[in-house]
Amino acid sequence: MRKGYWIALVDVSDVDGYKSYIAANKAVFEQFGGHFIIRNGEKEVVEGSLRSRVVVIEFKDYQTALACYRSPEYRAAMSLRQPFSQGDIVVVEGYEESAA
């Protein structure tokens, strides 16, 4: 089964306000087995454009990644994020190379 991922590109307008979202999303991601692969490390845009934060969260499969995003628990956490940031989030199925 292919893993599922959230890829989020975010600009935060109020870091202190955004901290309430960070605190709230921890329990939600734990509930759905999500864990951070990338959480805004050092980066260099080598082509195109980008927001200030890059986040990648891995889940056991695509359906779980979607279920987490659509859950009432995440919707509550999201309401804490929206006043303090703008972003783009995509939920994507991971790639598995077929054995030849």
PDB file of N, CA and C in Angstrom:
ATOM      1  N   MET A   1       0.833  -1.173   0.000  1.00  0.00           N
ATOM      2  CA  MET A   1       0.000   0.000   0.000  1.00  0.00           C
ATOM      3  C   MET A   1       0.887   1.249   0.000  1.00  0.00           C
ATOM      4  N   ARG A   2       0.582   2.186  -0.859  1.00  0.00           N
ATOM      5  CA  ARG A   2       1.365   3.416  -0.965  1.00  0.00           C
ATOM      6  C   ARG A   2       1.061   4.362   0.191  1.00  0.00           C
ATOM      7  N   LYS A   3       2.083   5.023   0.665  1.00  0.00           N
ATOM      8  CA  LYS A   3       1.913   5.995   1.740  1.00  0.00           C
ATOM      9  C   LYS A   3       1.218   7.240   1.200  1.00  0.00           C
ATOM     10  N   GLY A   4       0.660   8.009   2.125  1.00  0.00           N
ATOM     11  CA  GLY A   4       0.034   9.276   1.776  1.00  0.00           C
ATOM     12  C   GLY A   4       0.813  10.413   2.405  1.00  0.00           C
ATOM     13  N   TYR A   5       0.797  11.563   1.756  1.00  0.00           N
ATOM     14  CA  TYR A   5       1.567  12.711   2.228  1.00  0.00           C
ATOM     15  C   TYR A   5       0.736  13.984   2.145  1.00  0.00           C
ATOM     16  N   TRP A   6       0.955  14.853   3.106  1.00  0.00           N
ATOM     17  CA  TRP A   6       0.515  16.237   2.987  1.00  0.00           C
ATOM     18  C   TRP A   6       1.750  17.022   2.586  1.00  0.00           C
ATOM     19  N   ILE A   7       1.618  17.860   1.598  1.00  0.00           N
ATOM     20  CA  ILE A   7       2.671  18.810   1.256  1.00  0.00           C
ATOM     21  C   ILE A   7       2.051  20.189   1.432  1.00  0.00           C
ATOM     22  N   ALA A   8       2.622  20.958   2.356  1.00  0.00           N
ATOM     23  CA  ALA A   8       2.079  22.273   2.684  1.00  0.00           C
ATOM     24  C   ALA A   8       3.135  23.343   2.444  1.00  0.00           C
ATOM     25  N   LEU A   9       2.733  24.390   1.765  1.00  0.00           N
ATOM     26  CA  LEU A   9       3.564  25.570   1.541  1.00  0.00           C
ATOM     27  C   LEU A   9       2.826  26.726   2.205  1.00  0.00           C
ATOM     28  N   VAL A  10       3.453  27.351   3.191  1.00  0.00           N
ATOM     29  CA  VAL A  10       2.736  28.279   4.062  1.00  0.00           C
ATOM     30  C   VAL A  10       3.538  29.558   4.285  1.00  0.00           C
ATOM     31  N   ASP A  11       2.836  30.679   4.291  1.00  0.00           N
ATOM     32  CA  ASP A  11       3.368  31.955   4.751  1.00  0.00           C
ATOM     33  C   ASP A  11       2.659  32.292   6.057  1.00  0.00           C
ATOM     34  N   VAL A  12       3.429  32.534   7.099  1.00  0.00           N
ATOM     35  CA  VAL A  12       2.877  32.853   8.414  1.00  0.00           C
ATOM     36  C   VAL A  12       2.977  34.361   8.623  1.00  0.00           C
ATOM     37  N   SER A  13       1.844  34.987   8.929  1.00  0.00           N
ATOM     38  CA  SER A  13       1.826  36.437   9.132  1.00  0.00           C
ATOM     39  C   SER A  13       1.984  36.823  10.601  1.00  0.00           C
ATOM     40  N   ASP A  14       1.678  35.901  11.512  1.00  0.00           N
ATOM     41  CA  ASP A  14       1.783  36.174  12.953  1.00  0.00           C
ATOM     42  C   ASP A  14       2.295  34.903  13.637  1.00  0.00           C
ATOM     43  N   VAL A  15       3.588  34.861  13.910  1.00  0.00           N
ATOM     44  CA  VAL A  15       4.223  33.665  14.469  1.00  0.00           C
ATOM     45  C   VAL A  15       3.633  33.318  15.835  1.00  0.00           C
ATOM     46  N   ASP A  16       3.402  34.299  16.674  1.00  0.00           N
ATOM     47  CA  ASP A  16       2.842  34.018  17.997  1.00  0.00           C
ATOM     48  C   ASP A  16       1.436  33.439  17.893  1.00  0.00           C
ATOM     49  N   GLY A  17       0.611  33.989  17.029  1.00  0.00           N
ATOM     50  CA  GLY A  17      -0.734  33.449  16.829  1.00  0.00           C
ATOM     51  C   GLY A  17      -0.720  32.050  16.247  1.00  0.00           C
ATOM     52  N   TYR A  18       0.236  31.762  15.386  1.00  0.00           N
ATOM     53  CA  TYR A  18       0.363  30.467  14.711  1.00  0.00           C
ATOM     54  C   TYR A  18       0.726  29.350  15.691  1.00  0.00           C
ATOM     55  N   LYS A  19       1.334  29.720  16.812  1.00  0.00           N
ATOM     56  CA  LYS A  19       1.754  28.716  17.794  1.00  0.00           C
ATOM     57  C   LYS A  19       0.585  27.918  18.346  1.00  0.00           C
ATOM     58  N   SER A  20      -0.610  28.502  18.433  1.00  0.00           N
ATOM     59  CA  SER A  20      -1.772  27.761  18.919  1.00  0.00           C
ATOM     60  C   SER A  20      -2.145  26.644  17.945  1.00  0.00           C
ATOM     61  N   TYR A  21      -1.969  26.893  16.648  1.00  0.00           N
ATOM     62  CA  TYR A  21      -2.216  25.856  15.644  1.00  0.00           C
ATOM     63  C   TYR A  21      -1.204  24.721  15.782  1.00  0.00           C
ATOM     64  N   ILE A  22       0.056  25.064  15.956  1.00  0.00           N
ATOM     65  CA  ILE A  22       1.099  24.037  16.106  1.00  0.00           C
ATOM     66  C   ILE A  22       0.796  23.146  17.301  1.00  0.00           C
ATOM     67  N   ALA A  23       0.381  23.744  18.403  1.00  0.00           N
ATOM     68  CA  ALA A  23       0.048  22.964  19.604  1.00  0.00           C
ATOM     69  C   ALA A  23      -1.156  22.056  19.352  1.00  0.00           C
ATOM     70  N   ALA A  24      -2.157  22.558  18.640  1.00  0.00           N
ATOM     71  CA  ALA A  24      -3.388  21.790  18.407  1.00  0.00           C
ATOM     72  C   ALA A  24      -3.200  20.679  17.385  1.00  0.00           C
ATOM     73  N   ASN A  25      -2.345  20.878  16.375  1.00  0.00           N
ATOM     74  CA  ASN A  25      -2.248  19.859  15.331  1.00  0.00           C
ATOM     75  C   ASN A  25      -1.473  18.626  15.782  1.00  0.00           C
ATOM     76  N   LYS A  26      -0.659  18.753  16.797  1.00  0.00           N
ATOM     77  CA  LYS A  26       0.149  17.623  17.279  1.00  0.00           C
ATOM     78  C   LYS A  26      -0.721  16.404  17.609  1.00  0.00           C
ATOM     79  N   ALA A  27      -1.776  16.607  18.386  1.00  0.00           N
ATOM     80  CA  ALA A  27      -2.651  15.503  18.785  1.00  0.00           C
ATOM     81  C   ALA A  27      -3.380  14.907  17.579  1.00  0.00           C
ATOM     82  N   VAL A  28      -3.767  15.753  16.645  1.00  0.00           N
ATOM     83  CA  VAL A  28      -4.480  15.263  15.455  1.00  0.00           C
ATOM     84  C   VAL A  28      -3.568  14.382  14.614  1.00  0.00           C
ATOM     85  N   PHE A  29      -2.341  14.854  14.367  1.00  0.00           N
ATOM     86  CA  PHE A  29      -1.421  14.053  13.567  1.00  0.00           C
ATOM     87  C   PHE A  29      -1.084  12.742  14.264  1.00  0.00           C
ATOM     88  N   GLU A  30      -0.926  12.771  15.573  1.00  0.00           N
ATOM     89  CA  GLU A  30      -0.680  11.531  16.318  1.00  0.00           C
ATOM     90  C   GLU A  30      -1.860  10.579  16.180  1.00  0.00           C
ATOM     91  N   GLN A  31      -3.072  11.096  16.270  1.00  0.00           N
ATOM     92  CA  GLN A  31      -4.282  10.267  16.148  1.00  0.00           C
ATOM     93  C   GLN A  31      -4.317   9.527  14.813  1.00  0.00           C
ATOM     94  N   PHE A  32      -3.873  10.178  13.750  1.00  0.00           N
ATOM     95  CA  PHE A  32      -3.912   9.576  12.419  1.00  0.00           C
ATOM     96  C   PHE A  32      -2.573   8.964  11.998  1.00  0.00           C
ATOM     97  N   GLY A  33      -1.625   8.904  12.899  1.00  0.00           N
ATOM     98  CA  GLY A  33      -0.340   8.282  12.609  1.00  0.00           C
ATOM     99  C   GLY A  33       0.548   9.100  11.692  1.00  0.00           C
ATOM    100  N   GLY A  34       0.297  10.384  11.586  1.00  0.00           N
ATOM    101  CA  GLY A  34       1.112  11.243  10.730  1.00  0.00           C
ATOM    102  C   GLY A  34       2.398  11.641  11.424  1.00  0.00           C
ATOM    103  N   HIS A  35       3.474  11.714  10.652  1.00  0.00           N
ATOM    104  CA  HIS A  35       4.720  12.225  11.225  1.00  0.00           C
ATOM    105  C   HIS A  35       5.438  13.108  10.205  1.00  0.00           C
ATOM    106  N   PHE A  36       6.120  14.083  10.730  1.00  0.00           N
ATOM    107  CA  PHE A  36       6.787  15.080   9.887  1.00  0.00           C
ATOM    108  C   PHE A  36       8.018  14.489   9.213  1.00  0.00           C
ATOM    109  N   ILE A  37       8.103  14.692   7.908  1.00  0.00           N
ATOM    110  CA  ILE A  37       9.282  14.349   7.117  1.00  0.00           C
ATOM    111  C   ILE A  37      10.114  15.622   6.923  1.00  0.00           C
ATOM    112  N   ILE A  38       9.417  16.714   6.632  1.00  0.00           N
ATOM    113  CA  ILE A  38      10.048  18.027   6.467  1.00  0.00           C
ATOM    114  C   ILE A  38       9.237  19.013   7.287  1.00  0.00           C
ATOM    115  N   ARG A  39       9.940  19.832   8.045  1.00  0.00           N
ATOM    116  CA  ARG A  39       9.267  20.853   8.850  1.00  0.00           C
ATOM    117  C   ARG A  39      10.086  22.136   8.800  1.00  0.00           C
ATOM    118  N   ASN A  40      10.103  22.725   7.616  1.00  0.00           N
ATOM    119  CA  ASN A  40      10.712  24.030   7.378  1.00  0.00           C
ATOM    120  C   ASN A  40      12.191  24.102   7.705  1.00  0.00           C
ATOM    121  N   GLY A  41      12.956  23.196   7.152  1.00  0.00           N
ATOM    122  CA  GLY A  41      14.402  23.274   7.301  1.00  0.00           C
ATOM    123  C   GLY A  41      15.002  24.291   6.349  1.00  0.00           C
ATOM    124  N   GLU A  42      16.313  24.317   6.323  1.00  0.00           N
ATOM    125  CA  GLU A  42      17.022  25.220   5.413  1.00  0.00           C
ATOM    126  C   GLU A  42      16.649  24.865   3.978  1.00  0.00           C
ATOM    127  N   LYS A  43      16.485  25.892   3.153  1.00  0.00           N
ATOM    128  CA  LYS A  43      16.080  25.652   1.767  1.00  0.00           C
ATOM    129  C   LYS A  43      16.607  26.757   0.867  1.00  0.00           C
ATOM    130  N   GLU A  44      16.686  26.447  -0.412  1.00  0.00           N
ATOM    131  CA  GLU A  44      17.064  27.416  -1.438  1.00  0.00           C
ATOM    132  C   GLU A  44      16.168  27.177  -2.633  1.00  0.00           C
ATOM    133  N   VAL A  45      15.462  28.191  -3.055  1.00  0.00           N
ATOM    134  CA  VAL A  45      14.628  28.083  -4.241  1.00  0.00           C
ATOM    135  C   VAL A  45      15.558  28.139  -5.451  1.00  0.00           C
ATOM    136  N   VAL A  46      15.611  27.044  -6.186  1.00  0.00           N
ATOM    137  CA  VAL A  46      16.496  26.980  -7.348  1.00  0.00           C
ATOM    138  C   VAL A  46      15.729  27.140  -8.661  1.00  0.00           C
ATOM    139  N   GLU A  47      14.388  27.079  -8.575  1.00  0.00           N
ATOM    140  CA  GLU A  47      13.557  27.280  -9.757  1.00  0.00           C
ATOM    141  C   GLU A  47      12.145  27.591  -9.293  1.00  0.00           C
ATOM    142  N   GLY A  48      11.501  28.542  -9.902  1.00  0.00           N
ATOM    143  CA  GLY A  48      10.133  28.893  -9.553  1.00  0.00           C
ATOM    144  C   GLY A  48      10.059  29.741  -8.293  1.00  0.00           C
ATOM    145  N   SER A  49       8.929  29.645  -7.596  1.00  0.00           N
ATOM    146  CA  SER A  49       8.720  30.429  -6.382  1.00  0.00           C
ATOM    147  C   SER A  49       8.203  29.516  -5.281  1.00  0.00           C
ATOM    148  N   LEU A  50       8.237  30.031  -4.063  1.00  0.00           N
ATOM    149  CA  LEU A  50       7.908  29.204  -2.907  1.00  0.00           C
ATOM    150  C   LEU A  50       7.405  30.094  -1.792  1.00  0.00           C
ATOM    151  N   ARG A  51       6.620  29.543  -0.900  1.00  0.00           N
ATOM    152  CA  ARG A  51       6.221  30.254   0.318  1.00  0.00           C
ATOM    153  C   ARG A  51       7.338  30.080   1.346  1.00  0.00           C
ATOM    154  N   SER A  52       7.191  30.748   2.484  1.00  0.00           N
ATOM    155  CA  SER A  52       8.285  30.777   3.460  1.00  0.00           C
ATOM    156  C   SER A  52       8.469  29.468   4.227  1.00  0.00           C
ATOM    157  N   ARG A  53       7.410  28.684   4.403  1.00  0.00           N
ATOM    158  CA  ARG A  53       7.516  27.413   5.132  1.00  0.00           C
ATOM    159  C   ARG A  53       7.154  26.256   4.210  1.00  0.00           C
ATOM    160  N   VAL A  54       7.897  25.157   4.334  1.00  0.00           N
ATOM    161  CA  VAL A  54       7.622  23.917   3.600  1.00  0.00           C
ATOM    162  C   VAL A  54       7.466  22.815   4.628  1.00  0.00           C
ATOM    163  N   VAL A  55       6.349  22.084   4.543  1.00  0.00           N
ATOM    164  CA  VAL A  55       6.077  21.002   5.488  1.00  0.00           C
ATOM    165  C   VAL A  55       5.615  19.779   4.702  1.00  0.00           C
ATOM    166  N   VAL A  56       6.166  18.608   5.037  1.00  0.00           N
ATOM    167  CA  VAL A  56       5.715  17.341   4.465  1.00  0.00           C
ATOM    168  C   VAL A  56       5.424  16.402   5.629  1.00  0.00           C
ATOM    169  N   ILE A  57       4.209  15.845   5.637  1.00  0.00           N
ATOM    170  CA  ILE A  57       3.788  14.923   6.691  1.00  0.00           C
ATOM    171  C   ILE A  57       3.443  13.598   6.028  1.00  0.00           C
ATOM    172  N   GLU A  58       3.969  12.510   6.566  1.00  0.00           N
ATOM    173  CA  GLU A  58       3.752  11.176   6.008  1.00  0.00           C
ATOM    174  C   GLU A  58       2.702  10.426   6.827  1.00  0.00           C
ATOM    175  N   PHE A  59       1.812   9.710   6.118  1.00  0.00           N
ATOM    176  CA  PHE A  59       0.784   8.865   6.732  1.00  0.00           C
ATOM    177  C   PHE A  59       0.914   7.452   6.166  1.00  0.00           C
ATOM    178  N   LYS A  60       0.307   6.479   6.830  1.00  0.00           N
ATOM    179  CA  LYS A  60       0.460   5.084   6.392  1.00  0.00           C
ATOM    180  C   LYS A  60      -0.083   4.847   4.992  1.00  0.00           C
ATOM    181  N   ASP A  61      -1.091   5.641   4.573  1.00  0.00           N
ATOM    182  CA  ASP A  61      -1.630   5.510   3.225  1.00  0.00           C
ATOM    183  C   ASP A  61      -2.385   6.790   2.850  1.00  0.00           C
ATOM    184  N   TYR A  62      -2.743   6.873   1.596  1.00  0.00           N
ATOM    185  CA  TYR A  62      -3.406   8.050   1.040  1.00  0.00           C
ATOM    186  C   TYR A  62      -4.750   8.304   1.729  1.00  0.00           C
ATOM    187  N   GLN A  63      -5.524   7.248   1.932  1.00  0.00           N
ATOM    188  CA  GLN A  63      -6.844   7.418   2.548  1.00  0.00           C
ATOM    189  C   GLN A  63      -6.751   7.975   3.962  1.00  0.00           C
ATOM    190  N   THR A  64      -5.746   7.548   4.714  1.00  0.00           N
ATOM    191  CA  THR A  64      -5.563   8.072   6.070  1.00  0.00           C
ATOM    192  C   THR A  64      -5.165   9.542   6.024  1.00  0.00           C
ATOM    193  N   ALA A  65      -4.330   9.910   5.066  1.00  0.00           N
ATOM    194  CA  ALA A  65      -3.935  11.313   4.914  1.00  0.00           C
ATOM    195  C   ALA A  65      -5.151  12.188   4.618  1.00  0.00           C
ATOM    196  N   LEU A  66      -6.030  11.719   3.734  1.00  0.00           N
ATOM    197  CA  LEU A  66      -7.255  12.465   3.434  1.00  0.00           C
ATOM    198  C   LEU A  66      -8.189  12.502   4.638  1.00  0.00           C
ATOM    199  N   ALA A  67      -8.324  11.377   5.324  1.00  0.00           N
ATOM    200  CA  ALA A  67      -9.209  11.321   6.489  1.00  0.00           C
ATOM    201  C   ALA A  67      -8.760  12.290   7.574  1.00  0.00           C
ATOM    202  N   CYS A  68      -7.470  12.411   7.761  1.00  0.00           N
ATOM    203  CA  CYS A  68      -6.936  13.357   8.739  1.00  0.00           C
ATOM    204  C   CYS A  68      -7.333  14.779   8.356  1.00  0.00           C
ATOM    205  N   TYR A  69      -7.104  15.157   7.108  1.00  0.00           N
ATOM    206  CA  TYR A  69      -7.424  16.521   6.671  1.00  0.00           C
ATOM    207  C   TYR A  69      -8.915  16.816   6.821  1.00  0.00           C
ATOM    208  N   ARG A  70      -9.743  15.846   6.533  1.00  0.00           N
ATOM    209  CA  ARG A  70     -11.194  16.047   6.543  1.00  0.00           C
ATOM    210  C   ARG A  70     -11.826  15.847   7.919  1.00  0.00           C
ATOM    211  N   SER A  71     -11.031  15.453   8.901  1.00  0.00           N
ATOM    212  CA  SER A  71     -11.569  15.152  10.235  1.00  0.00           C
ATOM    213  C   SER A  71     -12.024  16.407  10.971  1.00  0.00           C
ATOM    214  N   PRO A  72     -13.023  16.260  11.848  1.00  0.00           N
ATOM    215  CA  PRO A  72     -13.450  17.400  12.672  1.00  0.00           C
ATOM    216  C   PRO A  72     -12.324  17.910  13.567  1.00  0.00           C
ATOM    217  N   GLU A  73     -11.452  17.014  13.989  1.00  0.00           N
ATOM    218  CA  GLU A  73     -10.335  17.416  14.848  1.00  0.00           C
ATOM    219  C   GLU A  73      -9.367  18.339  14.099  1.00  0.00           C
ATOM    220  N   TYR A  74      -9.073  17.992  12.832  1.00  0.00           N
ATOM    221  CA  TYR A  74      -8.175  18.862  12.086  1.00  0.00           C
ATOM    222  C   TYR A  74      -8.879  20.161  11.704  1.00  0.00           C
ATOM    223  N   ARG A  75     -10.160  20.098  11.392  1.00  0.00           N
ATOM    224  CA  ARG A  75     -10.901  21.324  11.062  1.00  0.00           C
ATOM    225  C   ARG A  75     -10.833  22.315  12.223  1.00  0.00           C
ATOM    226  N   ALA A  76     -10.919  21.811  13.452  1.00  0.00           N
ATOM    227  CA  ALA A  76     -10.807  22.683  14.622  1.00  0.00           C
ATOM    228  C   ALA A  76      -9.412  23.298  14.695  1.00  0.00           C
ATOM    229  N   ALA A  77      -8.373  22.486  14.454  1.00  0.00           N
ATOM    230  CA  ALA A  77      -7.008  23.003  14.462  1.00  0.00           C
ATOM    231  C   ALA A  77      -6.807  24.008  13.324  1.00  0.00           C
ATOM    232  N   MET A  78      -7.361  23.706  12.169  1.00  0.00           N
ATOM    233  CA  MET A  78      -7.221  24.579  11.007  1.00  0.00           C
ATOM    234  C   MET A  78      -7.803  25.965  11.295  1.00  0.00           C
ATOM    235  N   SER A  79      -8.881  26.024  12.055  1.00  0.00           N
ATOM    236  CA  SER A  79      -9.478  27.324  12.375  1.00  0.00           C
ATOM    237  C   SER A  79      -8.521  28.190  13.192  1.00  0.00           C
ATOM    238  N   LEU A  80      -7.563  27.552  13.873  1.00  0.00           N
ATOM    239  CA  LEU A  80      -6.548  28.296  14.617  1.00  0.00           C
ATOM    240  C   LEU A  80      -5.422  28.787  13.705  1.00  0.00           C
ATOM    241  N   ARG A  81      -5.240  28.118  12.582  1.00  0.00           N
ATOM    242  CA  ARG A  81      -4.187  28.474  11.627  1.00  0.00           C
ATOM    243  C   ARG A  81      -4.595  29.600  10.700  1.00  0.00           C
ATOM    244  N   GLN A  82      -5.797  29.562  10.210  1.00  0.00           N
ATOM    245  CA  GLN A  82      -6.216  30.440   9.120  1.00  0.00           C
ATOM    246  C   GLN A  82      -6.090  31.944   9.401  1.00  0.00           C
ATOM    247  N   PRO A  83      -6.352  32.425  10.617  1.00  0.00           N
ATOM    248  CA  PRO A  83      -6.189  33.872  10.818  1.00  0.00           C
ATOM    249  C   PRO A  83      -4.731  34.347  10.748  1.00  0.00           C
ATOM    250  N   PHE A  84      -3.793  33.429  10.872  1.00  0.00           N
ATOM    251  CA  PHE A  84      -2.384  33.804  11.002  1.00  0.00           C
ATOM    252  C   PHE A  84      -1.499  33.344   9.852  1.00  0.00           C
ATOM    253  N   SER A  85      -2.106  32.752   8.818  1.00  0.00           N
ATOM    254  CA  SER A  85      -1.284  32.241   7.721  1.00  0.00           C
ATOM    255  C   SER A  85      -2.101  32.085   6.452  1.00  0.00           C
ATOM    256  N   GLN A  86      -1.375  31.979   5.354  1.00  0.00           N
ATOM    257  CA  GLN A  86      -1.955  31.617   4.069  1.00  0.00           C
ATOM    258  C   GLN A  86      -1.114  30.490   3.514  1.00  0.00           C
ATOM    259  N   GLY A  87      -1.764  29.546   2.871  1.00  0.00           N
ATOM    260  CA  GLY A  87      -0.969  28.444   2.372  1.00  0.00           C
ATOM    261  C   GLY A  87      -1.665  27.622   1.317  1.00  0.00           C
ATOM    262  N   ASP A  88      -0.916  26.671   0.813  1.00  0.00           N
ATOM    263  CA  ASP A  88      -1.394  25.695  -0.152  1.00  0.00           C
ATOM    264  C   ASP A  88      -1.064  24.324   0.414  1.00  0.00           C
ATOM    265  N   ILE A  89      -2.055  23.442   0.420  1.00  0.00           N
ATOM    266  CA  ILE A  89      -1.846  22.078   0.918  1.00  0.00           C
ATOM    267  C   ILE A  89      -2.356  21.113  -0.143  1.00  0.00           C
ATOM    268  N   VAL A  90      -1.551  20.116  -0.433  1.00  0.00           N
ATOM    269  CA  VAL A  90      -1.975  19.048  -1.331  1.00  0.00           C
ATOM    270  C   VAL A  90      -1.792  17.728  -0.589  1.00  0.00           C
ATOM    271  N   VAL A  91      -2.773  16.832  -0.749  1.00  0.00           N
ATOM    272  CA  VAL A  91      -2.653  15.475  -0.220  1.00  0.00           C
ATOM    273  C   VAL A  91      -2.356  14.590  -1.425  1.00  0.00           C
ATOM    274  N   VAL A  92      -1.258  13.839  -1.340  1.00  0.00           N
ATOM    275  CA  VAL A  92      -0.797  13.090  -2.501  1.00  0.00           C
ATOM    276  C   VAL A  92      -0.419  11.666  -2.106  1.00  0.00           C
ATOM    277  N   GLU A  93      -0.662  10.758  -3.015  1.00  0.00           N
ATOM    278  CA  GLU A  93      -0.272   9.353  -2.819  1.00  0.00           C
ATOM    279  C   GLU A  93       1.201   9.195  -3.177  1.00  0.00           C
ATOM    280  N   GLY A  94       1.926   8.462  -2.349  1.00  0.00           N
ATOM    281  CA  GLY A  94       3.345   8.220  -2.599  1.00  0.00           C
ATOM    282  C   GLY A  94       3.576   7.326  -3.802  1.00  0.00           C
ATOM    283  N   TYR A  95       4.813   7.253  -4.200  1.00  0.00           N
ATOM    284  CA  TYR A  95       5.231   6.501  -5.377  1.00  0.00           C
ATOM    285  C   TYR A  95       5.920   5.223  -4.932  1.00  0.00           C
ATOM    286  N   GLU A  96       5.575   4.132  -5.573  1.00  0.00           N
ATOM    287  CA  GLU A  96       6.270   2.853  -5.386  1.00  0.00           C
ATOM    288  C   GLU A  96       6.676   2.342  -6.747  1.00  0.00           C
ATOM    289  N   GLU A  97       7.953   2.122  -6.905  1.00  0.00           N
ATOM    290  CA  GLU A  97       8.433   1.587  -8.165  1.00  0.00           C
ATOM    291  C   GLU A  97       8.092   0.108  -8.247  1.00  0.00           C
ATOM    292  N   SER A  98       7.566  -0.308  -9.378  1.00  0.00           N
ATOM    293  CA  SER A  98       7.211  -1.709  -9.575  1.00  0.00           C
ATOM    294  C   SER A  98       8.469  -2.549  -9.759  1.00  0.00           C
ATOM    295  N   ALA A  99       8.436  -3.748  -9.220  1.00  0.00           N
ATOM    296  CA  ALA A  99       9.567  -4.659  -9.423  1.00  0.00           C
ATOM    297  C   ALA A  99       9.550  -5.130 -10.873  1.00  0.00           C
ATOM    298  N   ALA A 100      10.702  -5.142 -11.503  1.00  0.00           N
ATOM    299  CA  ALA A 100      10.795  -5.535 -12.918  1.00  0.00           C
ATOM    300  C   ALA A 100      10.870  -7.017 -13.073  1.00  0.00           C
TER     301      ALA A 100
END
